[in-house]
Amino acid sequence: MTKVELIKAIAEHGELSRADAEIALMAVQYSIAEALAKGERITLPGFGTFKVVETAARTGRNPQTGEPVDIPAKRKVKFAPSDKLKDLVKA
Protein backbone atom coordinates (compact mmCIF):
# COMPACT_ATOMS: atom_id res chain seq x y z
CA MET A 1 0.00 0.00 0.00
CA THR A 2 1.38 3.39 -0.94
CA LYS A 3 0.94 6.64 0.96
CA VAL A 4 -1.71 7.78 -1.53
CA GLU A 5 -3.65 4.52 -1.07
CA LEU A 6 -3.38 4.84 2.71
CA ILE A 7 -4.73 8.41 2.58
CA LYS A 8 -7.62 7.22 0.42
CA ALA A 9 -8.41 4.40 2.89
CA ILE A 10 -8.27 6.80 5.86
CA ALA A 11 -10.60 9.18 4.04
CA GLU A 12 -13.09 6.40 3.31
CA HIS A 13 -13.04 4.77 6.76
CA GLY A 14 -13.04 8.07 8.65
CA GLU A 15 -15.54 9.77 6.35
CA LEU A 16 -13.06 12.60 5.76
CA SER A 17 -11.97 14.51 2.70
CA ARG A 18 -8.68 13.36 1.21
CA ALA A 19 -7.06 16.64 2.26
CA ASP A 20 -8.17 16.12 5.88
CA ALA A 21 -7.03 12.49 5.78
CA GLU A 22 -3.60 13.56 4.52
CA ILE A 23 -3.30 16.15 7.29
CA ALA A 24 -4.28 13.50 9.87
CA LEU A 25 -1.72 11.01 8.52
CA MET A 26 1.04 13.63 8.49
CA ALA A 27 0.17 14.63 12.06
CA VAL A 28 0.37 11.01 13.24
CA GLN A 29 3.69 10.44 11.43
CA TYR A 30 5.17 13.64 12.86
CA SER A 31 3.96 12.87 16.38
CA ILE A 32 5.38 9.34 16.32
CA ALA A 33 8.73 10.52 14.92
CA GLU A 34 8.95 13.35 17.46
CA ALA A 35 8.23 11.02 20.39
CA LEU A 36 10.75 8.43 19.18
CA ALA A 37 13.39 11.12 18.75
CA LYS A 38 12.90 11.93 22.45
CA GLY A 39 13.34 8.23 23.28
CA GLU A 40 9.70 7.75 24.27
CA ARG A 41 7.77 4.52 23.80
CA ILE A 42 4.54 4.55 21.78
CA THR A 43 1.91 1.91 22.47
CA LEU A 44 -1.11 1.56 20.21
CA PRO A 45 -3.40 -1.08 21.74
CA GLY A 46 -4.47 -3.69 19.21
CA PHE A 47 -1.70 -2.60 16.81
CA GLY A 48 1.70 -2.67 18.52
CA THR A 49 4.51 -0.78 20.20
CA PHE A 50 7.23 1.42 18.76
CA LYS A 51 10.34 1.91 20.89
CA VAL A 52 13.92 3.05 20.57
CA VAL A 53 16.62 0.51 21.36
CA GLU A 54 20.33 1.13 21.63
CA THR A 55 22.76 -1.27 20.01
CA ALA A 56 26.22 -1.68 21.47
CA ALA A 57 29.38 -0.94 19.53
CA ARG A 58 30.88 -4.07 18.05
CA THR A 59 33.49 -5.33 15.64
CA GLY A 60 32.30 -6.70 12.31
CA ARG A 61 34.08 -7.99 9.24
CA ASN A 62 34.30 -6.57 5.74
CA PRO A 63 32.80 -9.40 3.65
CA GLN A 64 35.09 -8.70 0.67
CA THR A 65 38.43 -8.48 2.47
CA GLY A 66 37.72 -10.15 5.80
CA GLU A 67 39.28 -7.18 7.63
CA PRO A 68 37.80 -6.20 11.01
CA VAL A 69 35.58 -3.10 10.96
CA ASP A 70 34.47 -1.12 14.01
CA ILE A 71 30.70 -0.63 14.04
CA PRO A 72 29.65 2.24 16.35
CA ALA A 73 26.78 2.10 18.83
CA LYS A 74 23.51 3.49 17.53
CA ARG A 75 19.84 3.98 18.29
CA LYS A 76 17.28 2.04 16.25
CA VAL A 77 13.50 2.00 16.08
CA LYS A 78 11.90 -1.33 16.89
CA PHE A 79 8.27 -2.28 16.30
CA ALA A 80 6.63 -5.11 18.23
CA PRO A 81 3.20 -6.05 16.84
CA SER A 82 0.37 -6.81 19.26
CA ASP A 83 -1.06 -10.33 19.52
CA LYS A 84 -4.25 -9.08 17.88
CA LEU A 85 -2.30 -7.81 14.85
CA LYS A 86 -0.29 -11.05 14.66
CA ASP A 87 -3.50 -13.09 14.65
CA LEU A 88 -5.05 -10.87 11.98
CA VAL A 89 -2.02 -11.28 9.71
CA LYS A 90 -1.96 -15.07 10.25
CA ALA A 91 -5.59 -15.52 9.21
PDB file of N, CA and C in Angstrom:
ATOM      1  N   MET A   1       0.854  -1.174   0.000  1.00  0.00           N
ATOM      2  CA  MET A   1       0.000   0.000   0.000  1.00  0.00           C
ATOM      3  C   MET A   1       0.898   1.235   0.000  1.00  0.00           C
ATOM      4  N   THR A   2       0.609   2.146  -0.861  1.00  0.00           N
ATOM      5  CA  THR A   2       1.376   3.388  -0.942  1.00  0.00           C
ATOM      6  C   THR A   2       0.750   4.439  -0.026  1.00  0.00           C
ATOM      7  N   LYS A   3       1.443   5.547   0.126  1.00  0.00           N
ATOM      8  CA  LYS A   3       0.937   6.636   0.964  1.00  0.00           C
ATOM      9  C   LYS A   3      -0.387   7.165   0.411  1.00  0.00           C
ATOM     10  N   VAL A   4      -0.483   7.283  -0.904  1.00  0.00           N
ATOM     11  CA  VAL A   4      -1.714   7.777  -1.534  1.00  0.00           C
ATOM     12  C   VAL A   4      -2.873   6.815  -1.257  1.00  0.00           C
ATOM     13  N   GLU A   5      -2.606   5.511  -1.350  1.00  0.00           N
ATOM     14  CA  GLU A   5      -3.646   4.518  -1.075  1.00  0.00           C
ATOM     15  C   GLU A   5      -4.050   4.547   0.395  1.00  0.00           C
ATOM     16  N   LEU A   6      -3.090   4.757   1.278  1.00  0.00           N
ATOM     17  CA  LEU A   6      -3.382   4.844   2.707  1.00  0.00           C
ATOM     18  C   LEU A   6      -4.244   6.067   3.005  1.00  0.00           C
ATOM     19  N   ILE A   7      -3.932   7.191   2.394  1.00  0.00           N
ATOM     20  CA  ILE A   7      -4.732   8.411   2.584  1.00  0.00           C
ATOM     21  C   ILE A   7      -6.155   8.182   2.096  1.00  0.00           C
ATOM     22  N   LYS A   8      -6.287   7.509   0.967  1.00  0.00           N
ATOM     23  CA  LYS A   8      -7.622   7.216   0.421  1.00  0.00           C
ATOM     24  C   LYS A   8      -8.402   6.322   1.379  1.00  0.00           C
ATOM     25  N   ALA A   9      -7.748   5.304   1.949  1.00  0.00           N
ATOM     26  CA  ALA A   9      -8.408   4.401   2.893  1.00  0.00           C
ATOM     27  C   ALA A   9      -8.823   5.135   4.164  1.00  0.00           C
ATOM     28  N   ILE A  10      -7.949   6.011   4.667  1.00  0.00           N
ATOM     29  CA  ILE A  10      -8.275   6.797   5.863  1.00  0.00           C
ATOM     30  C   ILE A  10      -9.476   7.692   5.583  1.00  0.00           C
ATOM     31  N   ALA A  11      -9.488   8.302   4.418  1.00  0.00           N
ATOM     32  CA  ALA A  11     -10.602   9.181   4.045  1.00  0.00           C
ATOM     33  C   ALA A  11     -11.919   8.405   3.998  1.00  0.00           C
ATOM     34  N   GLU A  12     -11.869   7.204   3.424  1.00  0.00           N
ATOM     35  CA  GLU A  12     -13.094   6.403   3.311  1.00  0.00           C
ATOM     36  C   GLU A  12     -13.570   5.892   4.671  1.00  0.00           C
ATOM     37  N   HIS A  13     -12.655   5.332   5.463  1.00  0.00           N
ATOM     38  CA  HIS A  13     -13.043   4.774   6.756  1.00  0.00           C
ATOM     39  C   HIS A  13     -13.421   5.854   7.766  1.00  0.00           C
ATOM     40  N   GLY A  14     -12.767   6.993   7.702  1.00  0.00           N
ATOM     41  CA  GLY A  14     -13.036   8.068   8.651  1.00  0.00           C
ATOM     42  C   GLY A  14     -14.053   9.075   8.164  1.00  0.00           C
ATOM     43  N   GLU A  15     -14.585   8.844   6.961  1.00  0.00           N
ATOM     44  CA  GLU A  15     -15.542   9.771   6.349  1.00  0.00           C
ATOM     45  C   GLU A  15     -14.985  11.192   6.355  1.00  0.00           C
ATOM     46  N   LEU A  16     -13.748  11.317   5.844  1.00  0.00           N
ATOM     47  CA  LEU A  16     -13.056  12.599   5.760  1.00  0.00           C
ATOM     48  C   LEU A  16     -12.764  12.922   4.304  1.00  0.00           C
ATOM     49  N   SER A  17     -12.452  14.168   4.039  1.00  0.00           N
ATOM     50  CA  SER A  17     -11.972  14.514   2.702  1.00  0.00           C
ATOM     51  C   SER A  17     -10.544  13.993   2.597  1.00  0.00           C
ATOM     52  N   ARG A  18     -10.053  13.840   1.384  1.00  0.00           N
ATOM     53  CA  ARG A  18      -8.677  13.364   1.213  1.00  0.00           C
ATOM     54  C   ARG A  18      -7.675  14.348   1.806  1.00  0.00           C
ATOM     55  N   ALA A  19      -7.961  15.626   1.704  1.00  0.00           N
ATOM     56  CA  ALA A  19      -7.058  16.637   2.265  1.00  0.00           C
ATOM     57  C   ALA A  19      -6.992  16.495   3.786  1.00  0.00           C
ATOM     58  N   ASP A  20      -8.149  16.300   4.423  1.00  0.00           N
ATOM     59  CA  ASP A  20      -8.170  16.123   5.882  1.00  0.00           C
ATOM     60  C   ASP A  20      -7.483  14.820   6.282  1.00  0.00           C
ATOM     61  N   ALA A  21      -7.674  13.772   5.500  1.00  0.00           N
ATOM     62  CA  ALA A  21      -7.028  12.487   5.781  1.00  0.00           C
ATOM     63  C   ALA A  21      -5.511  12.613   5.661  1.00  0.00           C
ATOM     64  N   GLU A  22      -5.039  13.361   4.685  1.00  0.00           N
ATOM     65  CA  GLU A  22      -3.601  13.556   4.516  1.00  0.00           C
ATOM     66  C   GLU A  22      -3.023  14.334   5.696  1.00  0.00           C
ATOM     67  N   ILE A  23      -3.746  15.365   6.134  1.00  0.00           N
ATOM     68  CA  ILE A  23      -3.297  16.145   7.294  1.00  0.00           C
ATOM     69  C   ILE A  23      -3.246  15.251   8.540  1.00  0.00           C
ATOM     70  N   ALA A  24      -4.252  14.403   8.712  1.00  0.00           N
ATOM     71  CA  ALA A  24      -4.277  13.498   9.866  1.00  0.00           C
ATOM     72  C   ALA A  24      -3.102  12.522   9.820  1.00  0.00           C
ATOM     73  N   LEU A  25      -2.832  11.952   8.657  1.00  0.00           N
ATOM     74  CA  LEU A  25      -1.716  11.014   8.521  1.00  0.00           C
ATOM     75  C   LEU A  25      -0.386  11.704   8.806  1.00  0.00           C
ATOM     76  N   MET A  26      -0.200  12.893   8.265  1.00  0.00           N
ATOM     77  CA  MET A  26       1.041  13.631   8.486  1.00  0.00           C
ATOM     78  C   MET A  26       1.212  13.968   9.965  1.00  0.00           C
ATOM     79  N   ALA A  27       0.116  14.310  10.632  1.00  0.00           N
ATOM     80  CA  ALA A  27       0.174  14.628  12.057  1.00  0.00           C
ATOM     81  C   ALA A  27       0.572  13.401  12.877  1.00  0.00           C
ATOM     82  N   VAL A  28       0.028  12.250  12.530  1.00  0.00           N
ATOM     83  CA  VAL A  28       0.373  11.014  13.237  1.00  0.00           C
ATOM     84  C   VAL A  28       1.840  10.670  13.000  1.00  0.00           C
ATOM     85  N   GLN A  29       2.289  10.741  11.747  1.00  0.00           N
ATOM     86  CA  GLN A  29       3.686  10.444  11.425  1.00  0.00           C
ATOM     87  C   GLN A  29       4.630  11.372  12.184  1.00  0.00           C
ATOM     88  N   TYR A  30       4.326  12.647  12.185  1.00  0.00           N
ATOM     89  CA  TYR A  30       5.166  13.639  12.862  1.00  0.00           C
ATOM     90  C   TYR A  30       5.199  13.378  14.364  1.00  0.00           C
ATOM     91  N   SER A  31       4.043  13.090  14.939  1.00  0.00           N
ATOM     92  CA  SER A  31       3.961  12.868  16.383  1.00  0.00           C
ATOM     93  C   SER A  31       4.740  11.632  16.800  1.00  0.00           C
ATOM     94  N   ILE A  32       4.639  10.563  16.018  1.00  0.00           N
ATOM     95  CA  ILE A  32       5.382   9.340  16.320  1.00  0.00           C
ATOM     96  C   ILE A  32       6.883   9.596  16.201  1.00  0.00           C
ATOM     97  N   ALA A  33       7.303  10.238  15.124  1.00  0.00           N
ATOM     98  CA  ALA A  33       8.726  10.518  14.916  1.00  0.00           C
ATOM     99  C   ALA A  33       9.276  11.412  16.021  1.00  0.00           C
ATOM    100  N   GLU A  34       8.511  12.422  16.410  1.00  0.00           N
ATOM    101  CA  GLU A  34       8.947  13.346  17.460  1.00  0.00           C
ATOM    102  C   GLU A  34       9.107  12.619  18.805  1.00  0.00           C
ATOM    103  N   ALA A  35       8.157  11.767  19.126  1.00  0.00           N
ATOM    104  CA  ALA A  35       8.225  11.023  20.387  1.00  0.00           C
ATOM    105  C   ALA A  35       9.406  10.051  20.378  1.00  0.00           C
ATOM    106  N   LEU A  36       9.628   9.364  19.264  1.00  0.00           N
ATOM    107  CA  LEU A  36      10.746   8.428  19.183  1.00  0.00           C
ATOM    108  C   LEU A  36      12.082   9.155  19.263  1.00  0.00           C
ATOM    109  N   ALA A  37      12.157  10.339  18.681  1.00  0.00           N
ATOM    110  CA  ALA A  37      13.391  11.121  18.748  1.00  0.00           C
ATOM    111  C   ALA A  37      13.730  11.483  20.194  1.00  0.00           C
ATOM    112  N   LYS A  38      12.703  11.631  21.031  1.00  0.00           N
ATOM    113  CA  LYS A  38      12.903  11.927  22.450  1.00  0.00           C
ATOM    114  C   LYS A  38      13.185  10.658  23.255  1.00  0.00           C
ATOM    115  N   GLY A  39      13.096   9.494  22.595  1.00  0.00           N
ATOM    116  CA  GLY A  39      13.335   8.233  23.278  1.00  0.00           C
ATOM    117  C   GLY A  39      12.095   7.663  23.947  1.00  0.00           C
ATOM    118  N   GLU A  40      10.940   8.219  23.651  1.00  0.00           N
ATOM    119  CA  GLU A  40       9.700   7.749  24.266  1.00  0.00           C
ATOM    120  C   GLU A  40       9.204   6.480  23.582  1.00  0.00           C
ATOM    121  N   ARG A  41       8.388   5.749  24.302  1.00  0.00           N
ATOM    122  CA  ARG A  41       7.771   4.523  23.797  1.00  0.00           C
ATOM    123  C   ARG A  41       6.342   4.851  23.379  1.00  0.00           C
ATOM    124  N   ILE A  42       5.892   4.290  22.269  1.00  0.00           N
ATOM    125  CA  ILE A  42       4.541   4.549  21.782  1.00  0.00           C
ATOM    126  C   ILE A  42       3.788   3.231  21.704  1.00  0.00           C
ATOM    127  N   THR A  43       2.710   3.128  22.456  1.00  0.00           N
ATOM    128  CA  THR A  43       1.906   1.910  22.470  1.00  0.00           C
ATOM    129  C   THR A  43       0.543   2.209  21.874  1.00  0.00           C
ATOM    130  N   LEU A  44       0.190   1.456  20.843  1.00  0.00           N
ATOM    131  CA  LEU A  44      -1.110   1.564  20.205  1.00  0.00           C
ATOM    132  C   LEU A  44      -1.834   0.238  20.436  1.00  0.00           C
ATOM    133  N   PRO A  45      -2.736   0.180  21.421  1.00  0.00           N
ATOM    134  CA  PRO A  45      -3.403  -1.080  21.743  1.00  0.00           C
ATOM    135  C   PRO A  45      -4.079  -1.689  20.513  1.00  0.00           C
ATOM    136  N   GLY A  46      -3.893  -2.989  20.347  1.00  0.00           N
ATOM    137  CA  GLY A  46      -4.470  -3.685  19.206  1.00  0.00           C
ATOM    138  C   GLY A  46      -3.620  -3.583  17.953  1.00  0.00           C
ATOM    139  N   PHE A  47      -2.573  -2.771  17.978  1.00  0.00           N
ATOM    140  CA  PHE A  47      -1.696  -2.603  16.812  1.00  0.00           C
ATOM    141  C   PHE A  47      -0.265  -3.007  17.151  1.00  0.00           C
ATOM    142  N   GLY A  48       0.341  -2.328  18.134  1.00  0.00           N
ATOM    143  CA  GLY A  48       1.696  -2.674  18.520  1.00  0.00           C
ATOM    144  C   GLY A  48       2.394  -1.550  19.247  1.00  0.00           C
ATOM    145  N   THR A  49       3.703  -1.735  19.448  1.00  0.00           N
ATOM    146  CA  THR A  49       4.506  -0.779  20.196  1.00  0.00           C
ATOM    147  C   THR A  49       5.752  -0.396  19.408  1.00  0.00           C
ATOM    148  N   PHE A  50       6.003   0.899  19.345  1.00  0.00           N
ATOM    149  CA  PHE A  50       7.232   1.422  18.757  1.00  0.00           C
ATOM    150  C   PHE A  50       8.133   1.832  19.918  1.00  0.00           C
ATOM    151  N   LYS A  51       9.416   1.469  19.853  1.00  0.00           N
ATOM    152  CA  LYS A  51      10.338   1.908  20.886  1.00  0.00           C
ATOM    153  C   LYS A  51      11.719   2.065  20.282  1.00  0.00           C
ATOM    154  N   VAL A  52      12.543   2.834  20.991  1.00  0.00           N
ATOM    155  CA  VAL A  52      13.916   3.055  20.570  1.00  0.00           C
ATOM    156  C   VAL A  52      14.810   2.124  21.382  1.00  0.00           C
ATOM    157  N   VAL A  53      15.668   1.385  20.684  1.00  0.00           N
ATOM    158  CA  VAL A  53      16.621   0.509  21.358  1.00  0.00           C
ATOM    159  C   VAL A  53      18.029   0.941  20.978  1.00  0.00           C
ATOM    160  N   GLU A  54      18.940   0.762  21.896  1.00  0.00           N
ATOM    161  CA  GLU A  54      20.330   1.130  21.633  1.00  0.00           C
ATOM    162  C   GLU A  54      21.132  -0.135  21.387  1.00  0.00           C
ATOM    163  N   THR A  55      21.899  -0.135  20.298  1.00  0.00           N
ATOM    164  CA  THR A  55      22.760  -1.272  20.008  1.00  0.00           C
ATOM    165  C   THR A  55      24.171  -0.916  20.481  1.00  0.00           C
ATOM    166  N   ALA A  56      24.860  -1.902  20.976  1.00  0.00           N
ATOM    167  CA  ALA A  56      26.219  -1.685  21.469  1.00  0.00           C
ATOM    168  C   ALA A  56      27.204  -1.617  20.303  1.00  0.00           C
ATOM    169  N   ALA A  57      28.318  -0.954  20.530  1.00  0.00           N
ATOM    170  CA  ALA A  57      29.385  -0.936  19.530  1.00  0.00           C
ATOM    171  C   ALA A  57      29.938  -2.355  19.427  1.00  0.00           C
ATOM    172  N   ARG A  58      30.354  -2.725  18.229  1.00  0.00           N
ATOM    173  CA  ARG A  58      30.884  -4.069  18.045  1.00  0.00           C
ATOM    174  C   ARG A  58      31.886  -4.075  16.902  1.00  0.00           C
ATOM    175  N   THR A  59      32.552  -5.174  16.740  1.00  0.00           N
ATOM    176  CA  THR A  59      33.495  -5.334  15.644  1.00  0.00           C
ATOM    177  C   THR A  59      32.889  -6.297  14.638  1.00  0.00           C
ATOM    178  N   GLY A  60      32.811  -5.862  13.386  1.00  0.00           N
ATOM    179  CA  GLY A  60      32.301  -6.702  12.311  1.00  0.00           C
ATOM    180  C   GLY A  60      33.428  -7.042  11.353  1.00  0.00           C
ATOM    181  N   ARG A  61      33.084  -7.645  10.245  1.00  0.00           N
ATOM    182  CA  ARG A  61      34.079  -7.994   9.236  1.00  0.00           C
ATOM    183  C   ARG A  61      33.630  -7.496   7.877  1.00  0.00           C
ATOM    184  N   ASN A  62      34.566  -6.942   7.122  1.00  0.00           N
ATOM    185  CA  ASN A  62      34.302  -6.571   5.739  1.00  0.00           C
ATOM    186  C   ASN A  62      34.161  -7.870   4.954  1.00  0.00           C
ATOM    187  N   PRO A  63      33.008  -8.120   4.311  1.00  0.00           N
ATOM    188  CA  PRO A  63      32.803  -9.396   3.646  1.00  0.00           C
ATOM    189  C   PRO A  63      33.733  -9.617   2.433  1.00  0.00           C
ATOM    190  N   GLN A  64      34.217  -8.550   1.834  1.00  0.00           N
ATOM    191  CA  GLN A  64      35.086  -8.703   0.667  1.00  0.00           C
ATOM    192  C   GLN A  64      36.528  -8.995   1.055  1.00  0.00           C
ATOM    193  N   THR A  65      37.016  -8.335   2.106  1.00  0.00           N
ATOM    194  CA  THR A  65      38.431  -8.484   2.470  1.00  0.00           C
ATOM    195  C   THR A  65      38.641  -9.296   3.743  1.00  0.00           C
ATOM    196  N   GLY A  66      37.590  -9.431   4.546  1.00  0.00           N
ATOM    197  CA  GLY A  66      37.722 -10.146   5.802  1.00  0.00           C
ATOM    198  C   GLY A  66      38.341  -9.317   6.910  1.00  0.00           C
ATOM    199  N   GLU A  67      38.669  -8.058   6.629  1.00  0.00           N
ATOM    200  CA  GLU A  67      39.281  -7.182   7.630  1.00  0.00           C
ATOM    201  C   GLU A  67      38.264  -6.795   8.701  1.00  0.00           C
ATOM    202  N   PRO A  68      38.706  -6.658   9.952  1.00  0.00           N
ATOM    203  CA  PRO A  68      37.801  -6.201  11.012  1.00  0.00           C
ATOM    204  C   PRO A  68      37.384  -4.735  10.784  1.00  0.00           C
ATOM    205  N   VAL A  69      36.128  -4.451  11.105  1.00  0.00           N
ATOM    206  CA  VAL A  69      35.579  -3.103  10.957  1.00  0.00           C
ATOM    207  C   VAL A  69      34.869  -2.754  12.254  1.00  0.00           C
ATOM    208  N   ASP A  70      35.161  -1.571  12.801  1.00  0.00           N
ATOM    209  CA  ASP A  70      34.473  -1.118  14.012  1.00  0.00           C
ATOM    210  C   ASP A  70      33.104  -0.571  13.632  1.00  0.00           C
ATOM    211  N   ILE A  71      32.065  -1.094  14.270  1.00  0.00           N
ATOM    212  CA  ILE A  71      30.696  -0.631  14.042  1.00  0.00           C
ATOM    213  C   ILE A  71      30.277   0.129  15.293  1.00  0.00           C
ATOM    214  N   PRO A  72      29.976   1.431  15.168  1.00  0.00           N
ATOM    215  CA  PRO A  72      29.653   2.236  16.353  1.00  0.00           C
ATOM    216  C   PRO A  72      28.282   1.884  16.941  1.00  0.00           C
ATOM    217  N   ALA A  73      28.082   2.250  18.194  1.00  0.00           N
ATOM    218  CA  ALA A  73      26.782   2.097  18.835  1.00  0.00           C
ATOM    219  C   ALA A  73      25.793   3.024  18.154  1.00  0.00           C
ATOM    220  N   LYS A  74      24.530   2.628  18.138  1.00  0.00           N
ATOM    221  CA  LYS A  74      23.510   3.491  17.528  1.00  0.00           C
ATOM    222  C   LYS A  74      22.146   3.220  18.140  1.00  0.00           C
ATOM    223  N   ARG A  75      21.232   4.113  17.852  1.00  0.00           N
ATOM    224  CA  ARG A  75      19.842   3.977  18.286  1.00  0.00           C
ATOM    225  C   ARG A  75      19.016   3.534  17.093  1.00  0.00           C
ATOM    226  N   LYS A  76      18.131   2.553  17.319  1.00  0.00           N
ATOM    227  CA  LYS A  76      17.280   2.040  16.253  1.00  0.00           C
ATOM    228  C   LYS A  76      15.832   2.023  16.715  1.00  0.00           C
ATOM    229  N   VAL A  77      14.920   2.104  15.769  1.00  0.00           N
ATOM    230  CA  VAL A  77      13.500   2.005  16.076  1.00  0.00           C
ATOM    231  C   VAL A  77      13.093   0.543  15.923  1.00  0.00           C
ATOM    232  N   LYS A  78      12.379   0.051  16.921  1.00  0.00           N
ATOM    233  CA  LYS A  78      11.903  -1.325  16.894  1.00  0.00           C
ATOM    234  C   LYS A  78      10.387  -1.313  17.021  1.00  0.00           C
ATOM    235  N   PHE A  79       9.718  -2.156  16.232  1.00  0.00           N
ATOM    236  CA  PHE A  79       8.265  -2.281  16.300  1.00  0.00           C
ATOM    237  C   PHE A  79       7.923  -3.693  16.732  1.00  0.00           C
ATOM    238  N   ALA A  80       7.096  -3.811  17.754  1.00  0.00           N
ATOM    239  CA  ALA A  80       6.626  -5.106  18.226  1.00  0.00           C
ATOM    240  C   ALA A  80       5.114  -5.153  18.020  1.00  0.00           C
ATOM    241  N   PRO A  81       4.647  -5.987  17.095  1.00  0.00           N
ATOM    242  CA  PRO A  81       3.204  -6.051  16.842  1.00  0.00           C
ATOM    243  C   PRO A  81       2.456  -6.664  18.019  1.00  0.00           C
ATOM    244  N   SER A  82       1.203  -6.253  18.194  1.00  0.00           N
ATOM    245  CA  SER A  82       0.372  -6.814  19.259  1.00  0.00           C
ATOM    246  C   SER A  82      -0.078  -8.217  18.849  1.00  0.00           C
ATOM    247  N   ASP A  83      -0.552  -8.984  19.815  1.00  0.00           N
ATOM    248  CA  ASP A  83      -1.057 -10.326  19.520  1.00  0.00           C
ATOM    249  C   ASP A  83      -2.242 -10.259  18.574  1.00  0.00           C
ATOM    250  N   LYS A  84      -3.074  -9.243  18.742  1.00  0.00           N
ATOM    251  CA  LYS A  84      -4.250  -9.080  17.882  1.00  0.00           C
ATOM    252  C   LYS A  84      -3.820  -8.873  16.426  1.00  0.00           C
ATOM    253  N   LEU A  85      -2.804  -8.045  16.202  1.00  0.00           N
ATOM    254  CA  LEU A  85      -2.304  -7.806  14.848  1.00  0.00           C
ATOM    255  C   LEU A  85      -1.666  -9.073  14.282  1.00  0.00           C
ATOM    256  N   LYS A  86      -0.905  -9.797  15.099  1.00  0.00           N
ATOM    257  CA  LYS A  86      -0.286 -11.047  14.660  1.00  0.00           C
ATOM    258  C   LYS A  86      -1.354 -12.042  14.203  1.00  0.00           C
ATOM    259  N   ASP A  87      -2.417 -12.166  14.997  1.00  0.00           N
ATOM    260  CA  ASP A  87      -3.502 -13.092  14.649  1.00  0.00           C
ATOM    261  C   ASP A  87      -4.197 -12.671  13.358  1.00  0.00           C
ATOM    262  N   LEU A  88      -4.387 -11.384  13.183  1.00  0.00           N
ATOM    263  CA  LEU A  88      -5.046 -10.873  11.982  1.00  0.00           C
ATOM    264  C   LEU A  88      -4.224 -11.167  10.740  1.00  0.00           C
ATOM    265  N   VAL A  89      -2.904 -11.034  10.853  1.00  0.00           N
ATOM    266  CA  VAL A  89      -2.016 -11.281   9.715  1.00  0.00           C
ATOM    267  C   VAL A  89      -1.963 -12.777   9.406  1.00  0.00           C
ATOM    268  N   LYS A  90      -1.993 -13.618  10.436  1.00  0.00           N
ATOM    269  CA  LYS A  90      -1.959 -15.072  10.252  1.00  0.00           C
ATOM    270  C   LYS A  90      -3.160 -15.586   9.482  1.00  0.00           C
ATOM    271  N   ALA A  91      -4.332 -15.021   9.775  1.00  0.00           N
ATOM    272  CA  ALA A  91      -5.593 -15.523   9.215  1.00  0.00           C
ATOM    273  C   ALA A  91      -5.686 -15.389   7.726  1.00  0.00           C
TER     274      ALA A  91
END
